[in-house]
Structure formats: structure tokens, C-alpha cells
Amino acid sequence: MKASTIAYKPVGLALGAASGMIAAMAFKQAWKLVEGEGDAPGATDEDRSWKEILIAAGLQGAIFAVVKATVDRAGAVAMRRVTGTWPG
């Protein structure tokens, strides 16, 4: 394993945690725009329809994937700028 990959591990873990928090906040705001409510339905929310639950899950998954990819890519680019090698 390359040294840059090993050095990037703690950075990647921190970025992953940060991206999760950013994605959660973004999803909460997006859900307010979609539904006008604060809380998105959970899979076992008895009072919500299948349609509403699946829309919320799809939106949440899309937001989390985009935020994670953005943060991971930005971290890798920053690591290459600092070390001169790609961490992967």
C-alpha cells in the first residue's frame, strides 16, 4: 500500500463523517421544500404512504451520494495538491 493511501485514511474518515453531517442537513432542508414538514418519514412510519416513504428514501440516497462523492473527490484533489500523489 502506498504511503499516500495510508496517510489519507484518517483524513478520509474525518471527511466521511463531515459529509454525513452535511448530507443530513441538506436532506432536512430539501424535505422541507418537498413536503413542507420538518421530519421525513421513516420506513416503518405507519401514518405515511408507500409513495411518500419511497420518495423520501430516494431523495435522501441521492443527496447522500452526491455529497459523499463531492467531499471525497475534493479531499483527494487537496491531498494531491499537498503531497503530489493521488490517494487511491
PDB file of N, CA and C in Angstrom:
ATOM      1  N   MET A   1       0.842  -1.176   0.000  1.00  0.00           N
ATOM      2  CA  MET A   1       0.000   0.000   0.000  1.00  0.00           C
ATOM      3  C   MET A   1       0.888   1.241   0.000  1.00  0.00           C
ATOM      4  N   LYS A   2       0.517   2.216  -0.801  1.00  0.00           N
ATOM      5  CA  LYS A   2       1.307   3.438  -0.911  1.00  0.00           C
ATOM      6  C   LYS A   2       1.193   4.272   0.366  1.00  0.00           C
ATOM      7  N   ALA A   3       2.241   5.022   0.633  1.00  0.00           N
ATOM      8  CA  ALA A   3       2.260   5.882   1.817  1.00  0.00           C
ATOM      9  C   ALA A   3       1.161   6.932   1.760  1.00  0.00           C
ATOM     10  N   SER A   4       0.879   7.442   0.556  1.00  0.00           N
ATOM     11  CA  SER A   4      -0.167   8.468   0.438  1.00  0.00           C
ATOM     12  C   SER A   4      -1.541   7.891   0.772  1.00  0.00           C
ATOM     13  N   THR A   5      -1.750   6.624   0.437  1.00  0.00           N
ATOM     14  CA  THR A   5      -3.022   5.971   0.765  1.00  0.00           C
ATOM     15  C   THR A   5      -3.164   5.808   2.269  1.00  0.00           C
ATOM     16  N   ILE A   6      -2.090   5.402   2.921  1.00  0.00           N
ATOM     17  CA  ILE A   6      -2.110   5.235   4.382  1.00  0.00           C
ATOM     18  C   ILE A   6      -2.301   6.582   5.068  1.00  0.00           C
ATOM     19  N   ALA A   7      -1.607   7.602   4.586  1.00  0.00           N
ATOM     20  CA  ALA A   7      -1.718   8.933   5.185  1.00  0.00           C
ATOM     21  C   ALA A   7      -3.111   9.523   4.992  1.00  0.00           C
ATOM     22  N   TYR A   8      -3.772   9.118   3.917  1.00  0.00           N
ATOM     23  CA  TYR A   8      -5.091   9.672   3.616  1.00  0.00           C
ATOM     24  C   TYR A   8      -6.204   9.028   4.447  1.00  0.00           C
ATOM     25  N   LYS A   9      -5.975   7.836   4.998  1.00  0.00           N
ATOM     26  CA  LYS A   9      -7.024   7.119   5.742  1.00  0.00           C
ATOM     27  C   LYS A   9      -7.679   7.969   6.832  1.00  0.00           C
ATOM     28  N   PRO A  10      -6.933   8.580   7.752  1.00  0.00           N
ATOM     29  CA  PRO A  10      -7.598   9.388   8.790  1.00  0.00           C
ATOM     30  C   PRO A  10      -8.317  10.611   8.209  1.00  0.00           C
ATOM     31  N   VAL A  11      -7.731  11.173   7.157  1.00  0.00           N
ATOM     32  CA  VAL A  11      -8.372  12.319   6.506  1.00  0.00           C
ATOM     33  C   VAL A  11      -9.687  11.872   5.875  1.00  0.00           C
ATOM     34  N   GLY A  12      -9.661  10.729   5.197  1.00  0.00           N
ATOM     35  CA  GLY A  12     -10.860  10.184   4.572  1.00  0.00           C
ATOM     36  C   GLY A  12     -11.957   9.884   5.582  1.00  0.00           C
ATOM     37  N   LEU A  13     -11.574   9.349   6.742  1.00  0.00           N
ATOM     38  CA  LEU A  13     -12.563   9.070   7.790  1.00  0.00           C
ATOM     39  C   LEU A  13     -13.205  10.358   8.310  1.00  0.00           C
ATOM     40  N   ALA A  14     -12.389  11.365   8.524  1.00  0.00           N
ATOM     41  CA  ALA A  14     -12.926  12.655   9.001  1.00  0.00           C
ATOM     42  C   ALA A  14     -13.834  13.286   7.954  1.00  0.00           C
ATOM     43  N   LEU A  15     -13.412  13.214   6.691  1.00  0.00           N
ATOM     44  CA  LEU A  15     -14.239  13.763   5.619  1.00  0.00           C
ATOM     45  C   LEU A  15     -15.552  12.997   5.484  1.00  0.00           C
ATOM     46  N   GLY A  16     -15.498  11.690   5.690  1.00  0.00           N
ATOM     47  CA  GLY A  16     -16.714  10.885   5.629  1.00  0.00           C
ATOM     48  C   GLY A  16     -17.717  11.287   6.702  1.00  0.00           C
ATOM     49  N   ALA A  17     -17.223  11.515   7.908  1.00  0.00           N
ATOM     50  CA  ALA A  17     -18.106  11.948   8.995  1.00  0.00           C
ATOM     51  C   ALA A  17     -18.689  13.333   8.694  1.00  0.00           C
ATOM     52  N   ALA A  18     -17.849  14.221   8.195  1.00  0.00           N
ATOM     53  CA  ALA A  18     -18.323  15.567   7.863  1.00  0.00           C
ATOM     54  C   ALA A  18     -19.344  15.521   6.737  1.00  0.00           C
ATOM     55  N   SER A  19     -19.097  14.673   5.733  1.00  0.00           N
ATOM     56  CA  SER A  19     -20.039  14.600   4.611  1.00  0.00           C
ATOM     57  C   SER A  19     -21.383  14.052   5.064  1.00  0.00           C
ATOM     58  N   GLY A  20     -21.379  13.141   6.030  1.00  0.00           N
ATOM     59  CA  GLY A  20     -22.642  12.629   6.568  1.00  0.00           C
ATOM     60  C   GLY A  20     -23.456  13.725   7.242  1.00  0.00           C
ATOM     61  N   MET A  21     -22.779  14.561   7.998  1.00  0.00           N
ATOM     62  CA  MET A  21     -23.479  15.657   8.670  1.00  0.00           C
ATOM     63  C   MET A  21     -24.007  16.683   7.665  1.00  0.00           C
ATOM     64  N   ILE A  22     -23.194  16.990   6.672  1.00  0.00           N
ATOM     65  CA  ILE A  22     -23.615  17.943   5.634  1.00  0.00           C
ATOM     66  C   ILE A  22     -24.813  17.387   4.868  1.00  0.00           C
ATOM     67  N   ALA A  23     -24.744  16.109   4.510  1.00  0.00           N
ATOM     68  CA  ALA A  23     -25.831  15.477   3.758  1.00  0.00           C
ATOM     69  C   ALA A  23     -27.117  15.436   4.578  1.00  0.00           C
ATOM     70  N   ALA A  24     -27.007  15.167   5.871  1.00  0.00           N
ATOM     71  CA  ALA A  24     -28.197  15.135   6.725  1.00  0.00           C
ATOM     72  C   ALA A  24     -28.877  16.505   6.773  1.00  0.00           C
ATOM     73  N   MET A  25     -28.069  17.552   6.885  1.00  0.00           N
ATOM     74  CA  MET A  25     -28.639  18.904   6.909  1.00  0.00           C
ATOM     75  C   MET A  25     -29.268  19.254   5.562  1.00  0.00           C
ATOM     76  N   ALA A  26     -28.591  18.873   4.485  1.00  0.00           N
ATOM     77  CA  ALA A  26     -29.122  19.163   3.147  1.00  0.00           C
ATOM     78  C   ALA A  26     -30.430  18.416   2.910  1.00  0.00           C
ATOM     79  N   PHE A  27     -30.500  17.157   3.346  1.00  0.00           N
ATOM     80  CA  PHE A  27     -31.727  16.387   3.167  1.00  0.00           C
ATOM     81  C   PHE A  27     -32.875  16.985   3.964  1.00  0.00           C
ATOM     82  N   LYS A  28     -32.590  17.411   5.172  1.00  0.00           N
ATOM     83  CA  LYS A  28     -33.636  18.009   6.006  1.00  0.00           C
ATOM     84  C   LYS A  28     -34.224  19.251   5.324  1.00  0.00           C
ATOM     85  N   GLN A  29     -33.353  20.080   4.762  1.00  0.00           N
ATOM     86  CA  GLN A  29     -33.824  21.276   4.063  1.00  0.00           C
ATOM     87  C   GLN A  29     -34.576  20.909   2.786  1.00  0.00           C
ATOM     88  N   ALA A  30     -34.078  19.933   2.054  1.00  0.00           N
ATOM     89  CA  ALA A  30     -34.748  19.504   0.819  1.00  0.00           C
ATOM     90  C   ALA A  30     -36.122  18.932   1.127  1.00  0.00           C
ATOM     91  N   TRP A  31     -36.233  18.174   2.215  1.00  0.00           N
ATOM     92  CA  TRP A  31     -37.525  17.587   2.558  1.00  0.00           C
ATOM     93  C   TRP A  31     -38.530  18.672   2.925  1.00  0.00           C
ATOM     94  N   LYS A  32     -38.069  19.711   3.588  1.00  0.00           N
ATOM     95  CA  LYS A  32     -38.966  20.826   3.909  1.00  0.00           C
ATOM     96  C   LYS A  32     -39.510  21.466   2.634  1.00  0.00           C
ATOM     97  N   LEU A  33     -38.682  21.552   1.600  1.00  0.00           N
ATOM     98  CA  LEU A  33     -39.144  22.110   0.321  1.00  0.00           C
ATOM     99  C   LEU A  33     -40.141  21.179  -0.362  1.00  0.00           C
ATOM    100  N   VAL A  34     -39.893  19.887  -0.285  1.00  0.00           N
ATOM    101  CA  VAL A  34     -40.752  18.907  -0.954  1.00  0.00           C
ATOM    102  C   VAL A  34     -42.092  18.771  -0.250  1.00  0.00           C
ATOM    103  N   GLU A  35     -42.039  18.601   1.054  1.00  0.00           N
ATOM    104  CA  GLU A  35     -43.248  18.252   1.801  1.00  0.00           C
ATOM    105  C   GLU A  35     -43.766  19.383   2.673  1.00  0.00           C
ATOM    106  N   GLY A  36     -42.925  20.313   3.017  1.00  0.00           N
ATOM    107  CA  GLY A  36     -43.353  21.394   3.890  1.00  0.00           C
ATOM    108  C   GLY A  36     -43.382  20.994   5.357  1.00  0.00           C
ATOM    109  N   GLU A  37     -42.823  19.842   5.669  1.00  0.00           N
ATOM    110  CA  GLU A  37     -42.752  19.354   7.044  1.00  0.00           C
ATOM    111  C   GLU A  37     -41.299  19.256   7.470  1.00  0.00           C
ATOM    112  N   GLY A  38     -41.069  19.202   8.781  1.00  0.00           N
ATOM    113  CA  GLY A  38     -39.713  19.085   9.280  1.00  0.00           C
ATOM    114  C   GLY A  38     -39.153  17.686   9.225  1.00  0.00           C
ATOM    115  N   ASP A  39     -39.973  16.689   9.476  1.00  0.00           N
ATOM    116  CA  ASP A  39     -39.473  15.328   9.579  1.00  0.00           C
ATOM    117  C   ASP A  39     -39.864  14.492   8.375  1.00  0.00           C
ATOM    118  N   ALA A  40     -38.893  13.827   7.797  1.00  0.00           N
ATOM    119  CA  ALA A  40     -39.162  12.902   6.694  1.00  0.00           C
ATOM    120  C   ALA A  40     -39.684  11.592   7.285  1.00  0.00           C
ATOM    121  N   PRO A  41     -40.469  10.865   6.531  1.00  0.00           N
ATOM    122  CA  PRO A  41     -40.992   9.607   7.058  1.00  0.00           C
ATOM    123  C   PRO A  41     -39.921   8.531   7.119  1.00  0.00           C
ATOM    124  N   GLY A  42     -40.048   7.678   8.108  1.00  0.00           N
ATOM    125  CA  GLY A  42     -39.185   6.505   8.197  1.00  0.00           C
ATOM    126  C   GLY A  42     -39.885   5.337   7.532  1.00  0.00           C
ATOM    127  N   ALA A  43     -39.142   4.279   7.275  1.00  0.00           N
ATOM    128  CA  ALA A  43     -39.700   3.116   6.587  1.00  0.00           C
ATOM    129  C   ALA A  43     -40.841   2.469   7.369  1.00  0.00           C
ATOM    130  N   THR A  44     -40.832   2.594   8.677  1.00  0.00           N
ATOM    131  CA  THR A  44     -41.874   1.966   9.492  1.00  0.00           C
ATOM    132  C   THR A  44     -42.904   2.966  10.004  1.00  0.00           C
ATOM    133  N   ASP A  45     -42.936   4.139   9.423  1.00  0.00           N
ATOM    134  CA  ASP A  45     -43.908   5.153   9.826  1.00  0.00           C
ATOM    135  C   ASP A  45     -45.294   4.740   9.321  1.00  0.00           C
ATOM    136  N   GLU A  46     -46.112   4.324  10.215  1.00  0.00           N
ATOM    137  CA  GLU A  46     -47.432   3.753   9.894  1.00  0.00           C
ATOM    138  C   GLU A  46     -48.378   4.764   9.239  1.00  0.00           C
ATOM    139  N   ASP A  47     -48.220   6.028   9.561  1.00  0.00           N
ATOM    140  CA  ASP A  47     -49.146   7.048   9.078  1.00  0.00           C
ATOM    141  C   ASP A  47     -48.779   7.626   7.710  1.00  0.00           C
ATOM    142  N   ARG A  48     -47.711   7.144   7.111  1.00  0.00           N
ATOM    143  CA  ARG A  48     -47.266   7.662   5.820  1.00  0.00           C
ATOM    144  C   ARG A  48     -47.487   6.620   4.730  1.00  0.00           C
ATOM    145  N   SER A  49     -47.694   7.098   3.508  1.00  0.00           N
ATOM    146  CA  SER A  49     -47.934   6.183   2.381  1.00  0.00           C
ATOM    147  C   SER A  49     -46.614   5.621   1.849  1.00  0.00           C
ATOM    148  N   TRP A  50     -46.734   4.522   1.097  1.00  0.00           N
ATOM    149  CA  TRP A  50     -45.566   3.940   0.428  1.00  0.00           C
ATOM    150  C   TRP A  50     -44.902   4.981  -0.463  1.00  0.00           C
ATOM    151  N   LYS A  51     -45.708   5.709  -1.207  1.00  0.00           N
ATOM    152  CA  LYS A  51     -45.183   6.703  -2.145  1.00  0.00           C
ATOM    153  C   LYS A  51     -44.327   7.728  -1.420  1.00  0.00           C
ATOM    154  N   GLU A  52     -44.846   8.254  -0.329  1.00  0.00           N
ATOM    155  CA  GLU A  52     -44.131   9.277   0.427  1.00  0.00           C
ATOM    156  C   GLU A  52     -42.828   8.724   1.011  1.00  0.00           C
ATOM    157  N   ILE A  53     -42.881   7.511   1.531  1.00  0.00           N
ATOM    158  CA  ILE A  53     -41.688   6.895   2.127  1.00  0.00           C
ATOM    159  C   ILE A  53     -40.623   6.645   1.062  1.00  0.00           C
ATOM    160  N   LEU A  54     -41.038   6.138  -0.097  1.00  0.00           N
ATOM    161  CA  LEU A  54     -40.067   5.839  -1.148  1.00  0.00           C
ATOM    162  C   LEU A  54     -39.483   7.102  -1.775  1.00  0.00           C
ATOM    163  N   ILE A  55     -40.280   8.141  -1.901  1.00  0.00           N
ATOM    164  CA  ILE A  55     -39.749   9.421  -2.393  1.00  0.00           C
ATOM    165  C   ILE A  55     -38.712   9.969  -1.409  1.00  0.00           C
ATOM    166  N   ALA A  56     -39.025   9.914  -0.131  1.00  0.00           N
ATOM    167  CA  ALA A  56     -38.080  10.402   0.886  1.00  0.00           C
ATOM    168  C   ALA A  56     -36.790   9.588   0.855  1.00  0.00           C
ATOM    169  N   ALA A  57     -36.904   8.272   0.746  1.00  0.00           N
ATOM    170  CA  ALA A  57     -35.708   7.421   0.719  1.00  0.00           C
ATOM    171  C   ALA A  57     -34.864   7.686  -0.526  1.00  0.00           C
ATOM    172  N   GLY A  58     -35.501   7.848  -1.667  1.00  0.00           N
ATOM    173  CA  GLY A  58     -34.766   8.135  -2.897  1.00  0.00           C
ATOM    174  C   GLY A  58     -34.063   9.476  -2.850  1.00  0.00           C
ATOM    175  N   LEU A  59     -34.753  10.481  -2.349  1.00  0.00           N
ATOM    176  CA  LEU A  59     -34.164  11.811  -2.230  1.00  0.00           C
ATOM    177  C   LEU A  59     -32.984  11.786  -1.256  1.00  0.00           C
ATOM    178  N   GLN A  60     -33.166  11.111  -0.141  1.00  0.00           N
ATOM    179  CA  GLN A  60     -32.095  11.021   0.844  1.00  0.00           C
ATOM    180  C   GLN A  60     -30.880  10.296   0.267  1.00  0.00           C
ATOM    181  N   GLY A  61     -31.109   9.201  -0.430  1.00  0.00           N
ATOM    182  CA  GLY A  61     -29.999   8.463  -1.030  1.00  0.00           C
ATOM    183  C   GLY A  61     -29.254   9.282  -2.066  1.00  0.00           C
ATOM    184  N   ALA A  62     -29.989   9.998  -2.892  1.00  0.00           N
ATOM    185  CA  ALA A  62     -29.355  10.826  -3.919  1.00  0.00           C
ATOM    186  C   ALA A  62     -28.519  11.937  -3.293  1.00  0.00           C
ATOM    187  N   ILE A  63     -29.064  12.586  -2.291  1.00  0.00           N
ATOM    188  CA  ILE A  63     -28.330  13.674  -1.634  1.00  0.00           C
ATOM    189  C   ILE A  63     -27.078  13.142  -0.957  1.00  0.00           C
ATOM    190  N   PHE A  64     -27.201  12.033  -0.230  1.00  0.00           N
ATOM    191  CA  PHE A  64     -26.039  11.469   0.446  1.00  0.00           C
ATOM    192  C   PHE A  64     -24.956  11.061  -0.554  1.00  0.00           C
ATOM    193  N   ALA A  65     -25.351  10.459  -1.679  1.00  0.00           N
ATOM    194  CA  ALA A  65     -24.370  10.029  -2.675  1.00  0.00           C
ATOM    195  C   ALA A  65     -23.646  11.209  -3.304  1.00  0.00           C
ATOM    196  N   VAL A  66     -24.377  12.258  -3.635  1.00  0.00           N
ATOM    197  CA  VAL A  66     -23.760  13.435  -4.261  1.00  0.00           C
ATOM    198  C   VAL A  66     -22.828  14.145  -3.276  1.00  0.00           C
ATOM    199  N   VAL A  67     -23.261  14.311  -2.040  1.00  0.00           N
ATOM    200  CA  VAL A  67     -22.418  14.987  -1.049  1.00  0.00           C
ATOM    201  C   VAL A  67     -21.173  14.158  -0.773  1.00  0.00           C
ATOM    202  N   LYS A  68     -21.313  12.849  -0.604  1.00  0.00           N
ATOM    203  CA  LYS A  68     -20.162  11.988  -0.339  1.00  0.00           C
ATOM    204  C   LYS A  68     -19.170  12.030  -1.491  1.00  0.00           C
ATOM    205  N   ALA A  69     -19.648  11.919  -2.723  1.00  0.00           N
ATOM    206  CA  ALA A  69     -18.759  11.959  -3.881  1.00  0.00           C
ATOM    207  C   ALA A  69     -18.039  13.310  -3.974  1.00  0.00           C
ATOM    208  N   THR A  70     -18.757  14.379  -3.708  1.00  0.00           N
ATOM    209  CA  THR A  70     -18.169  15.718  -3.764  1.00  0.00           C
ATOM    210  C   THR A  70     -17.061  15.878  -2.725  1.00  0.00           C
ATOM    211  N   VAL A  71     -17.354  15.479  -1.498  1.00  0.00           N
ATOM    212  CA  VAL A  71     -16.376  15.624  -0.418  1.00  0.00           C
ATOM    213  C   VAL A  71     -15.185  14.693  -0.641  1.00  0.00           C
ATOM    214  N   ASP A  72     -15.428  13.449  -1.046  1.00  0.00           N
ATOM    215  CA  ASP A  72     -14.332  12.516  -1.306  1.00  0.00           C
ATOM    216  C   ASP A  72     -13.422  13.023  -2.413  1.00  0.00           C
ATOM    217  N   ARG A  73     -14.015  13.497  -3.495  1.00  0.00           N
ATOM    218  CA  ARG A  73     -13.223  13.994  -4.622  1.00  0.00           C
ATOM    219  C   ARG A  73     -12.425  15.230  -4.222  1.00  0.00           C
ATOM    220  N   ALA A  74     -13.062  16.142  -3.516  1.00  0.00           N
ATOM    221  CA  ALA A  74     -12.361  17.351  -3.072  1.00  0.00           C
ATOM    222  C   ALA A  74     -11.209  17.000  -2.131  1.00  0.00           C
ATOM    223  N   GLY A  75     -11.402  16.031  -1.266  1.00  0.00           N
ATOM    224  CA  GLY A  75     -10.332  15.600  -0.364  1.00  0.00           C
ATOM    225  C   GLY A  75      -9.172  14.979  -1.119  1.00  0.00           C
ATOM    226  N   ALA A  76      -9.468  14.172  -2.123  1.00  0.00           N
ATOM    227  CA  ALA A  76      -8.408  13.551  -2.922  1.00  0.00           C
ATOM    228  C   ALA A  76      -7.626  14.594  -3.707  1.00  0.00           C
ATOM    229  N   VAL A  77      -8.339  15.568  -4.273  1.00  0.00           N
ATOM    230  CA  VAL A  77      -7.672  16.636  -5.020  1.00  0.00           C
ATOM    231  C   VAL A  77      -6.776  17.447  -4.087  1.00  0.00           C
ATOM    232  N   ALA A  78      -7.272  17.758  -2.896  1.00  0.00           N
ATOM    233  CA  ALA A  78      -6.475  18.510  -1.923  1.00  0.00           C
ATOM    234  C   ALA A  78      -5.243  17.713  -1.501  1.00  0.00           C
ATOM    235  N   MET A  79      -5.405  16.409  -1.320  1.00  0.00           N
ATOM    236  CA  MET A  79      -4.281  15.562  -0.933  1.00  0.00           C
ATOM    237  C   MET A  79      -3.220  15.541  -2.043  1.00  0.00           C
ATOM    238  N   ARG A  80      -3.668  15.487  -3.292  1.00  0.00           N
ATOM    239  CA  ARG A  80      -2.704  15.508  -4.401  1.00  0.00           C
ATOM    240  C   ARG A  80      -1.962  16.844  -4.449  1.00  0.00           C
ATOM    241  N   ARG A  81      -2.666  17.928  -4.178  1.00  0.00           N
ATOM    242  CA  ARG A  81      -2.005  19.244  -4.172  1.00  0.00           C
ATOM    243  C   ARG A  81      -0.950  19.334  -3.081  1.00  0.00           C
ATOM    244  N   VAL A  82      -1.249  18.723  -1.925  1.00  0.00           N
ATOM    245  CA  VAL A  82      -0.324  18.788  -0.794  1.00  0.00           C
ATOM    246  C   VAL A  82       0.854  17.822  -0.967  1.00  0.00           C
ATOM    247  N   THR A  83       0.556  16.588  -1.392  1.00  0.00           N
ATOM    248  CA  THR A  83       1.602  15.567  -1.435  1.00  0.00           C
ATOM    249  C   THR A  83       2.155  15.302  -2.828  1.00  0.00           C
ATOM    250  N   GLY A  84       1.407  15.670  -3.859  1.00  0.00           N
ATOM    251  CA  GLY A  84       1.836  15.410  -5.216  1.00  0.00           C
ATOM    252  C   GLY A  84       1.425  14.054  -5.750  1.00  0.00           C
ATOM    253  N   THR A  85       0.746  13.253  -4.915  1.00  0.00           N
ATOM    254  CA  THR A  85       0.272  11.940  -5.360  1.00  0.00           C
ATOM    255  C   THR A  85      -1.208  11.786  -5.065  1.00  0.00           C
ATOM    256  N   TRP A  86      -1.847  10.957  -5.865  1.00  0.00           N
ATOM    257  CA  TRP A  86      -3.285  10.692  -5.709  1.00  0.00           C
ATOM    258  C   TRP A  86      -3.469   9.613  -4.651  1.00  0.00           C
ATOM    259  N   PRO A  87      -4.349   9.829  -3.681  1.00  0.00           N
ATOM    260  CA  PRO A  87      -4.510   8.875  -2.572  1.00  0.00           C
ATOM    261  C   PRO A  87      -5.438   7.697  -2.910  1.00  0.00           C
ATOM    262  N   GLY A  88      -5.101   6.895  -3.812  1.00  0.00           N
ATOM    263  CA  GLY A  88      -6.021   5.811  -4.119  1.00  0.00           C
ATOM    264  C   GLY A  88      -5.385   4.674  -4.692  1.00  0.00           C
TER     265      GLY A  88
END
